[in-house]
Amino acid sequence: MFKIIFGFIVICNLSCSNGEKNNSKNILYSYLLNAYQNTAYFECNKNLVKEFAKFEDQRGDVKTGAFKTPSNNMTFQDILGGEMKITENLLTLSIEVVSIPNQINLNIPPANNVYPEIFYRFNFKTNEHKIYVGIENFSNGTISQSSLNNLTVYVNSNGTVESGCGFANTEGNKITFKCDKTFSKTLVNINENSYFNVESSHRINNDYYQDCF
């Protein structure tokens, strides 16, 4: 909420100092639309890996935009917790959600190569790298159904996809990613002194439903 209020103040200052009423109205409209549609203004936690080998997240805290309340049927978007195991050669990450349907509708929004329609990922921050490990789907505009097991697990380092880790594995209400560290130059940098958070996001039309630990 603070960021929303701060945004209003900035917009008002621009309007008063420049006197460009039409331009200010456009800026205000864009800001309100963005705040209404997505939850980017919510920041995830900064968690130390060595303190959270296993973690829990609040149920029913899926968010969408600044002024809307998600429906109460957010199940596979709602993170309940998870765990991680780091060995010399293997990184195993799990995300537990309320429930996972056998088939999930994909490619519902218009095609978009910039923002994924759906993703689940662990984000890691080391001294030199920002790394995320997880699954995602970019809409191609062709409506289909698929299991999350059919989505490839990617390792992204500093904004660039470095490698894949096979496919996600779902069992019950748990999604698991397993990555062989010998095939990744980046994953070896993740240790107990790294920071992490976990995100889920689901874009339905132009609304983003997100949860974050």
C-alpha atoms as a PDB file:
ATOM      1  CA  MET A   1       0.000   0.000   0.000  1.00  0.00           C
ATOM      2  CA  PHE A   2       2.901   2.358   0.771  1.00  0.00           C
ATOM      3  CA  LYS A   3       4.207   1.977  -2.769  1.00  0.00           C
ATOM      4  CA  ILE A   4       0.789   2.787  -4.190  1.00  0.00           C
ATOM      5  CA  ILE A   5       0.541   5.985  -2.126  1.00  0.00           C
ATOM      6  CA  PHE A   6       4.109   6.891  -3.060  1.00  0.00           C
ATOM      7  CA  GLY A   7       3.232   6.407  -6.718  1.00  0.00           C
ATOM      8  CA  PHE A   8       0.301   8.784  -6.397  1.00  0.00           C
ATOM      9  CA  ILE A   9       2.574  11.438  -4.858  1.00  0.00           C
ATOM     10  CA  VAL A  10       5.093  11.109  -7.678  1.00  0.00           C
ATOM     11  CA  ILE A  11       2.362  11.363 -10.296  1.00  0.00           C
ATOM     12  CA  CYS A  12       0.855  14.440  -8.646  1.00  0.00           C
ATOM     13  CA  ASN A  13       4.265  16.119  -8.523  1.00  0.00           C
ATOM     14  CA  LEU A  14       4.778  15.442 -12.212  1.00  0.00           C
ATOM     15  CA  SER A  15       1.399  16.909 -12.968  1.00  0.00           C
ATOM     16  CA  CYS A  16       1.945  20.072 -10.962  1.00  0.00           C
ATOM     17  CA  SER A  17       5.489  20.760 -12.125  1.00  0.00           C
ATOM     18  CA  ASN A  18       5.028  20.102 -15.831  1.00  0.00           C
ATOM     19  CA  GLY A  19       1.491  21.273 -16.313  1.00  0.00           C
ATOM     20  CA  GLU A  20       0.945  18.543 -18.876  1.00  0.00           C
ATOM     21  CA  LYS A  21      -2.502  17.420 -17.761  1.00  0.00           C
ATOM     22  CA  ASN A  22      -3.148  14.959 -20.555  1.00  0.00           C
ATOM     23  CA  ASN A  23       0.214  13.281 -20.158  1.00  0.00           C
ATOM     24  CA  SER A  24      -0.259  13.090 -16.390  1.00  0.00           C
ATOM     25  CA  LYS A  25      -3.660  11.479 -16.855  1.00  0.00           C
ATOM     26  CA  ASN A  26      -2.085   8.861 -19.117  1.00  0.00           C
ATOM     27  CA  ILE A  27       0.627   8.154 -16.541  1.00  0.00           C
ATOM     28  CA  LEU A  28      -1.956   7.888 -13.775  1.00  0.00           C
ATOM     29  CA  TYR A  29      -4.118   5.555 -15.848  1.00  0.00           C
ATOM     30  CA  SER A  30      -1.151   3.307 -16.666  1.00  0.00           C
ATOM     31  CA  TYR A  31      -0.071   3.197 -13.044  1.00  0.00           C
ATOM     32  CA  LEU A  32      -3.542   2.349 -11.775  1.00  0.00           C
ATOM     33  CA  LEU A  33      -4.022  -0.288 -14.468  1.00  0.00           C
ATOM     34  CA  ASN A  34      -0.711  -1.927 -13.588  1.00  0.00           C
ATOM     35  CA  ALA A  35      -1.504  -1.876  -9.872  1.00  0.00           C
ATOM     36  CA  TYR A  36      -4.966  -3.280 -10.553  1.00  0.00           C
ATOM     37  CA  GLN A  37      -3.738  -6.126 -12.742  1.00  0.00           C
ATOM     38  CA  ASN A  38      -0.607  -7.428 -11.095  1.00  0.00           C
ATOM     39  CA  THR A  39       1.141  -7.869  -7.776  1.00  0.00           C
ATOM     40  CA  ALA A  40       4.633  -6.776  -8.761  1.00  0.00           C
ATOM     41  CA  TYR A  41       4.654  -4.263  -5.923  1.00  0.00           C
ATOM     42  CA  PHE A  42       4.642  -7.102  -3.391  1.00  0.00           C
ATOM     43  CA  GLU A  43       8.163  -8.128  -2.486  1.00  0.00           C
ATOM     44  CA  CYS A  44       9.125 -11.690  -1.606  1.00  0.00           C
ATOM     45  CA  ASN A  45      10.957 -12.568   1.576  1.00  0.00           C
ATOM     46  CA  LYS A  46      14.723 -12.778   1.754  1.00  0.00           C
ATOM     47  CA  ASN A  47      15.410 -16.156   3.326  1.00  0.00           C
ATOM     48  CA  LEU A  48      18.793 -17.618   4.240  1.00  0.00           C
ATOM     49  CA  VAL A  49      19.216 -21.117   2.796  1.00  0.00           C
ATOM     50  CA  LYS A  50      20.798 -22.620   5.936  1.00  0.00           C
ATOM     51  CA  GLU A  51      17.796 -21.545   8.038  1.00  0.00           C
ATOM     52  CA  PHE A  52      15.097 -22.962   5.772  1.00  0.00           C
ATOM     53  CA  ALA A  53      15.836 -26.500   4.605  1.00  0.00           C
ATOM     54  CA  LYS A  54      12.091 -26.918   5.054  1.00  0.00           C
ATOM     55  CA  PHE A  55       9.625 -24.027   5.214  1.00  0.00           C
ATOM     56  CA  GLU A  56       5.937 -23.248   5.543  1.00  0.00           C
ATOM     57  CA  ASP A  57       3.858 -20.504   3.937  1.00  0.00           C
ATOM     58  CA  GLN A  58       0.486 -19.068   4.919  1.00  0.00           C
ATOM     59  CA  ARG A  59      -2.530 -20.639   3.261  1.00  0.00           C
ATOM     60  CA  GLY A  60      -4.989 -18.405   1.387  1.00  0.00           C
ATOM     61  CA  ASP A  61      -2.524 -15.567   0.703  1.00  0.00           C
ATOM     62  CA  VAL A  62      -2.624 -15.584  -3.105  1.00  0.00           C
ATOM     63  CA  LYS A  63      -2.726 -11.977  -4.298  1.00  0.00           C
ATOM     64  CA  THR A  64      -3.831 -10.261  -7.482  1.00  0.00           C
ATOM     65  CA  GLY A  65      -3.354  -6.545  -7.906  1.00  0.00           C
ATOM     66  CA  ALA A  66      -3.780  -3.767  -5.387  1.00  0.00           C
ATOM     67  CA  PHE A  67      -7.536  -3.437  -5.364  1.00  0.00           C
ATOM     68  CA  LYS A  68      -8.879  -6.937  -5.969  1.00  0.00           C
ATOM     69  CA  THR A  69      -9.422 -10.042  -3.878  1.00  0.00           C
ATOM     70  CA  PRO A  70      -8.767 -13.423  -5.531  1.00  0.00           C
ATOM     71  CA  SER A  71     -11.529 -15.982  -5.573  1.00  0.00           C
ATOM     72  CA  ASN A  72     -11.361 -18.694  -2.941  1.00  0.00           C
ATOM     73  CA  ASN A  73     -10.598 -21.482  -5.421  1.00  0.00           C
ATOM     74  CA  MET A  74      -6.897 -20.675  -5.778  1.00  0.00           C
ATOM     75  CA  THR A  75      -5.444 -24.156  -5.229  1.00  0.00           C
ATOM     76  CA  PHE A  76      -2.401 -24.894  -7.361  1.00  0.00           C
ATOM     77  CA  GLN A  77      -1.367 -21.216  -7.133  1.00  0.00           C
ATOM     78  CA  ASP A  78      -1.335 -21.212  -3.320  1.00  0.00           C
ATOM     79  CA  ILE A  79       2.059 -22.140  -1.831  1.00  0.00           C
ATOM     80  CA  LEU A  80       1.883 -23.996   1.501  1.00  0.00           C
ATOM     81  CA  GLY A  81       5.591 -24.654   1.915  1.00  0.00           C
ATOM     82  CA  GLY A  82       8.492 -26.575   0.485  1.00  0.00           C
ATOM     83  CA  GLU A  83      11.954 -27.928   1.068  1.00  0.00           C
ATOM     84  CA  MET A  84      15.385 -28.082  -0.469  1.00  0.00           C
ATOM     85  CA  LYS A  85      18.271 -30.504  -0.326  1.00  0.00           C
ATOM     86  CA  ILE A  86      21.725 -29.527  -1.527  1.00  0.00           C
ATOM     87  CA  THR A  87      24.439 -32.131  -1.946  1.00  0.00           C
ATOM     88  CA  GLU A  88      27.747 -32.030  -3.796  1.00  0.00           C
ATOM     89  CA  ASN A  89      26.191 -33.135  -7.079  1.00  0.00           C
ATOM     90  CA  LEU A  90      22.430 -32.715  -6.725  1.00  0.00           C
ATOM     91  CA  LEU A  91      19.988 -29.892  -6.032  1.00  0.00           C
ATOM     92  CA  THR A  92      16.479 -31.065  -5.081  1.00  0.00           C
ATOM     93  CA  LEU A  93      13.741 -28.460  -4.655  1.00  0.00           C
ATOM     94  CA  SER A  94      10.089 -29.014  -3.765  1.00  0.00           C
ATOM     95  CA  ILE A  95       7.084 -26.692  -3.627  1.00  0.00           C
ATOM     96  CA  GLU A  96       3.942 -27.791  -1.803  1.00  0.00           C
ATOM     97  CA  VAL A  97       0.649 -26.186  -2.894  1.00  0.00           C
ATOM     98  CA  VAL A  98      -2.970 -26.690  -1.803  1.00  0.00           C
ATOM     99  CA  SER A  99      -3.683 -29.144  -4.623  1.00  0.00           C
ATOM    100  CA  ILE A 100      -2.618 -29.894  -8.184  1.00  0.00           C
ATOM    101  CA  PRO A 101      -5.174 -30.882 -10.845  1.00  0.00           C
ATOM    102  CA  ASN A 102      -4.262 -33.673 -13.250  1.00  0.00           C
ATOM    103  CA  GLN A 103      -4.599 -31.270 -16.189  1.00  0.00           C
ATOM    104  CA  ILE A 104      -4.108 -27.499 -16.223  1.00  0.00           C
ATOM    105  CA  ASN A 105      -5.453 -25.180 -18.930  1.00  0.00           C
ATOM    106  CA  LEU A 106      -2.614 -23.526 -20.832  1.00  0.00           C
ATOM    107  CA  ASN A 107      -2.261 -20.869 -23.521  1.00  0.00           C
ATOM    108  CA  ILE A 108      -5.438 -19.131 -22.365  1.00  0.00           C
ATOM    109  CA  PRO A 109      -4.122 -15.538 -22.569  1.00  0.00           C
ATOM    110  CA  PRO A 110      -3.082 -14.065 -25.923  1.00  0.00           C
ATOM    111  CA  ALA A 111       0.374 -15.118 -27.084  1.00  0.00           C
ATOM    112  CA  ASN A 112       3.066 -13.327 -25.088  1.00  0.00           C
ATOM    113  CA  ASN A 113       6.794 -14.030 -25.202  1.00  0.00           C
ATOM    114  CA  VAL A 114       7.658 -11.547 -22.453  1.00  0.00           C
ATOM    115  CA  TYR A 115       5.577 -12.630 -19.467  1.00  0.00           C
ATOM    116  CA  PRO A 116       4.998 -16.305 -18.694  1.00  0.00           C
ATOM    117  CA  GLU A 117       1.441 -17.503 -18.336  1.00  0.00           C
ATOM    118  CA  ILE A 118       2.401 -19.732 -15.443  1.00  0.00           C
ATOM    119  CA  PHE A 119       5.552 -20.364 -13.445  1.00  0.00           C
ATOM    120  CA  TYR A 120       6.831 -21.961 -10.261  1.00  0.00           C
ATOM    121  CA  ARG A 121      10.388 -21.237  -9.231  1.00  0.00           C
ATOM    122  CA  PHE A 122      13.016 -20.950  -6.537  1.00  0.00           C
ATOM    123  CA  ASN A 123      14.995 -17.696  -6.763  1.00  0.00           C
ATOM    124  CA  PHE A 124      18.519 -17.705  -5.330  1.00  0.00           C
ATOM    125  CA  LYS A 125      20.874 -14.795  -4.687  1.00  0.00           C
ATOM    126  CA  THR A 126      24.592 -15.434  -4.246  1.00  0.00           C
ATOM    127  CA  ASN A 127      27.448 -12.932  -4.185  1.00  0.00           C
ATOM    128  CA  GLU A 128      27.694 -12.886  -7.978  1.00  0.00           C
ATOM    129  CA  HIS A 129      24.562 -14.544  -9.334  1.00  0.00           C
ATOM    130  CA  LYS A 130      20.814 -14.228  -9.413  1.00  0.00           C
ATOM    131  CA  ILE A 131      19.571 -17.735 -10.175  1.00  0.00           C
ATOM    132  CA  TYR A 132      16.137 -19.179 -10.620  1.00  0.00           C
ATOM    133  CA  VAL A 133      15.246 -22.829 -10.984  1.00  0.00           C
ATOM    134  CA  GLY A 134      11.742 -23.800 -12.025  1.00  0.00           C
ATOM    135  CA  ILE A 135       9.093 -24.329 -14.681  1.00  0.00           C
ATOM    136  CA  GLU A 136       7.197 -21.860 -16.832  1.00  0.00           C
ATOM    137  CA  ASN A 137       4.887 -21.682 -19.806  1.00  0.00           C
ATOM    138  CA  PHE A 138       4.604 -18.839 -22.323  1.00  0.00           C
ATOM    139  CA  SER A 139       1.260 -18.693 -24.056  1.00  0.00           C
ATOM    140  CA  ASN A 140       1.313 -19.339 -27.815  1.00  0.00           C
ATOM    141  CA  GLY A 141      -2.395 -18.604 -28.147  1.00  0.00           C
ATOM    142  CA  THR A 142      -3.356 -22.228 -28.843  1.00  0.00           C
ATOM    143  CA  ILE A 143      -5.518 -23.405 -25.960  1.00  0.00           C
ATOM    144  CA  SER A 144      -4.525 -26.798 -24.602  1.00  0.00           C
ATOM    145  CA  GLN A 145      -4.389 -28.866 -21.437  1.00  0.00           C
ATOM    146  CA  SER A 146      -1.277 -30.315 -19.892  1.00  0.00           C
ATOM    147  CA  SER A 147       0.158 -31.770 -16.730  1.00  0.00           C
ATOM    148  CA  LEU A 148       2.842 -29.800 -14.925  1.00  0.00           C
ATOM    149  CA  ASN A 149       4.986 -32.914 -15.436  1.00  0.00           C
ATOM    150  CA  ASN A 150       5.283 -31.924 -19.096  1.00  0.00           C
ATOM    151  CA  LEU A 151       6.991 -28.611 -18.327  1.00  0.00           C
ATOM    152  CA  THR A 152      10.782 -28.410 -18.522  1.00  0.00           C
ATOM    153  CA  VAL A 153      12.763 -27.303 -15.475  1.00  0.00           C
ATOM    154  CA  TYR A 154      15.107 -24.454 -16.391  1.00  0.00           C
ATOM    155  CA  VAL A 155      18.141 -22.958 -14.692  1.00  0.00           C
ATOM    156  CA  ASN A 156      18.362 -19.228 -15.351  1.00  0.00           C
ATOM    157  CA  SER A 157      21.484 -17.308 -14.345  1.00  0.00           C
ATOM    158  CA  ASN A 158      21.491 -13.491 -14.361  1.00  0.00           C
ATOM    159  CA  GLY A 159      18.644 -13.386 -16.879  1.00  0.00           C
ATOM    160  CA  THR A 160      19.964 -16.059 -19.254  1.00  0.00           C
ATOM    161  CA  VAL A 161      18.805 -19.670 -19.488  1.00  0.00           C
ATOM    162  CA  GLU A 162      21.870 -21.761 -18.719  1.00  0.00           C
ATOM    163  CA  SER A 163      20.561 -25.320 -18.798  1.00  0.00           C
ATOM    164  CA  GLY A 164      17.600 -27.613 -18.330  1.00  0.00           C
ATOM    165  CA  CYS A 165      16.976 -30.150 -15.564  1.00  0.00           C
ATOM    166  CA  GLY A 166      14.578 -32.535 -17.223  1.00  0.00           C
ATOM    167  CA  PHE A 167      10.892 -32.280 -16.322  1.00  0.00           C
ATOM    168  CA  ALA A 168       9.062 -31.376 -13.159  1.00  0.00           C
ATOM    169  CA  ASN A 169       7.716 -34.219 -11.045  1.00  0.00           C
ATOM    170  CA  THR A 170       4.360 -33.900  -9.301  1.00  0.00           C
ATOM    171  CA  GLU A 171       3.189 -36.223  -6.563  1.00  0.00           C
ATOM    172  CA  GLY A 172       0.072 -35.392  -4.593  1.00  0.00           C
ATOM    173  CA  ASN A 173       0.250 -31.658  -3.955  1.00  0.00           C
ATOM    174  CA  LYS A 174       4.020 -31.394  -4.334  1.00  0.00           C
ATOM    175  CA  ILE A 175       6.077 -30.178  -7.326  1.00  0.00           C
ATOM    176  CA  THR A 176       9.715 -31.285  -7.348  1.00  0.00           C
ATOM    177  CA  PHE A 177      12.697 -30.142  -9.414  1.00  0.00           C
ATOM    178  CA  LYS A 178      15.905 -32.205  -9.494  1.00  0.00           C
ATOM    179  CA  CYS A 179      19.044 -30.726 -11.013  1.00  0.00           C
ATOM    180  CA  ASP A 180      22.376 -32.446 -11.514  1.00  0.00           C
ATOM    181  CA  LYS A 181      24.902 -29.779 -10.506  1.00  0.00           C
ATOM    182  CA  THR A 182      27.632 -31.323 -12.654  1.00  0.00           C
ATOM    183  CA  PHE A 183      25.786 -30.001 -15.742  1.00  0.00           C
ATOM    184  CA  SER A 184      25.490 -26.440 -14.429  1.00  0.00           C
ATOM    185  CA  LYS A 185      28.280 -23.952 -13.808  1.00  0.00           C
ATOM    186  CA  THR A 186      25.912 -21.794 -11.775  1.00  0.00           C
ATOM    187  CA  LEU A 187      24.236 -24.218  -9.359  1.00  0.00           C
ATOM    188  CA  VAL A 188      27.547 -25.001  -7.660  1.00  0.00           C
ATOM    189  CA  ASN A 189      27.470 -21.432  -6.304  1.00  0.00           C
ATOM    190  CA  ILE A 190      24.349 -22.073  -4.219  1.00  0.00           C
ATOM    191  CA  ASN A 191      25.295 -22.819  -0.619  1.00  0.00           C
ATOM    192  CA  GLU A 192      23.997 -22.327   2.913  1.00  0.00           C
ATOM    193  CA  ASN A 193      24.975 -18.638   2.834  1.00  0.00           C
ATOM    194  CA  SER A 194      22.846 -17.923  -0.251  1.00  0.00           C
ATOM    195  CA  TYR A 195      19.448 -16.256  -0.018  1.00  0.00           C
ATOM    196  CA  PHE A 196      16.287 -17.568  -1.624  1.00  0.00           C
ATOM    197  CA  ASN A 197      12.569 -17.098  -2.059  1.00  0.00           C
ATOM    198  CA  VAL A 198       9.859 -19.090  -3.817  1.00  0.00           C
ATOM    199  CA  GLU A 199       7.233 -17.783  -6.239  1.00  0.00           C
ATOM    200  CA  SER A 200       4.182 -18.998  -8.083  1.00  0.00           C
ATOM    201  CA  SER A 201       2.377 -16.992 -10.757  1.00  0.00           C
ATOM    202  CA  HIS A 202      -0.628 -17.686 -12.956  1.00  0.00           C
ATOM    203  CA  ARG A 203      -1.802 -15.217 -15.606  1.00  0.00           C
ATOM    204  CA  ILE A 204      -5.479 -15.446 -16.513  1.00  0.00           C
ATOM    205  CA  ASN A 205      -6.287 -12.985 -19.289  1.00  0.00           C
ATOM    206  CA  ASN A 206      -4.548  -9.862 -17.953  1.00  0.00           C
ATOM    207  CA  ASP A 207      -4.731 -10.717 -14.262  1.00  0.00           C
ATOM    208  CA  TYR A 208      -1.764 -12.155 -12.408  1.00  0.00           C
ATOM    209  CA  TYR A 209      -2.384 -14.429  -9.420  1.00  0.00           C
ATOM    210  CA  GLN A 210       0.769 -14.715  -7.350  1.00  0.00           C
ATOM    211  CA  ASP A 211       2.020 -16.213  -4.140  1.00  0.00           C
ATOM    212  CA  CYS A 212       5.444 -15.886  -2.624  1.00  0.00           C
ATOM    213  CA  PHE A 213       7.429 -17.195   0.322  1.00  0.00           C
END
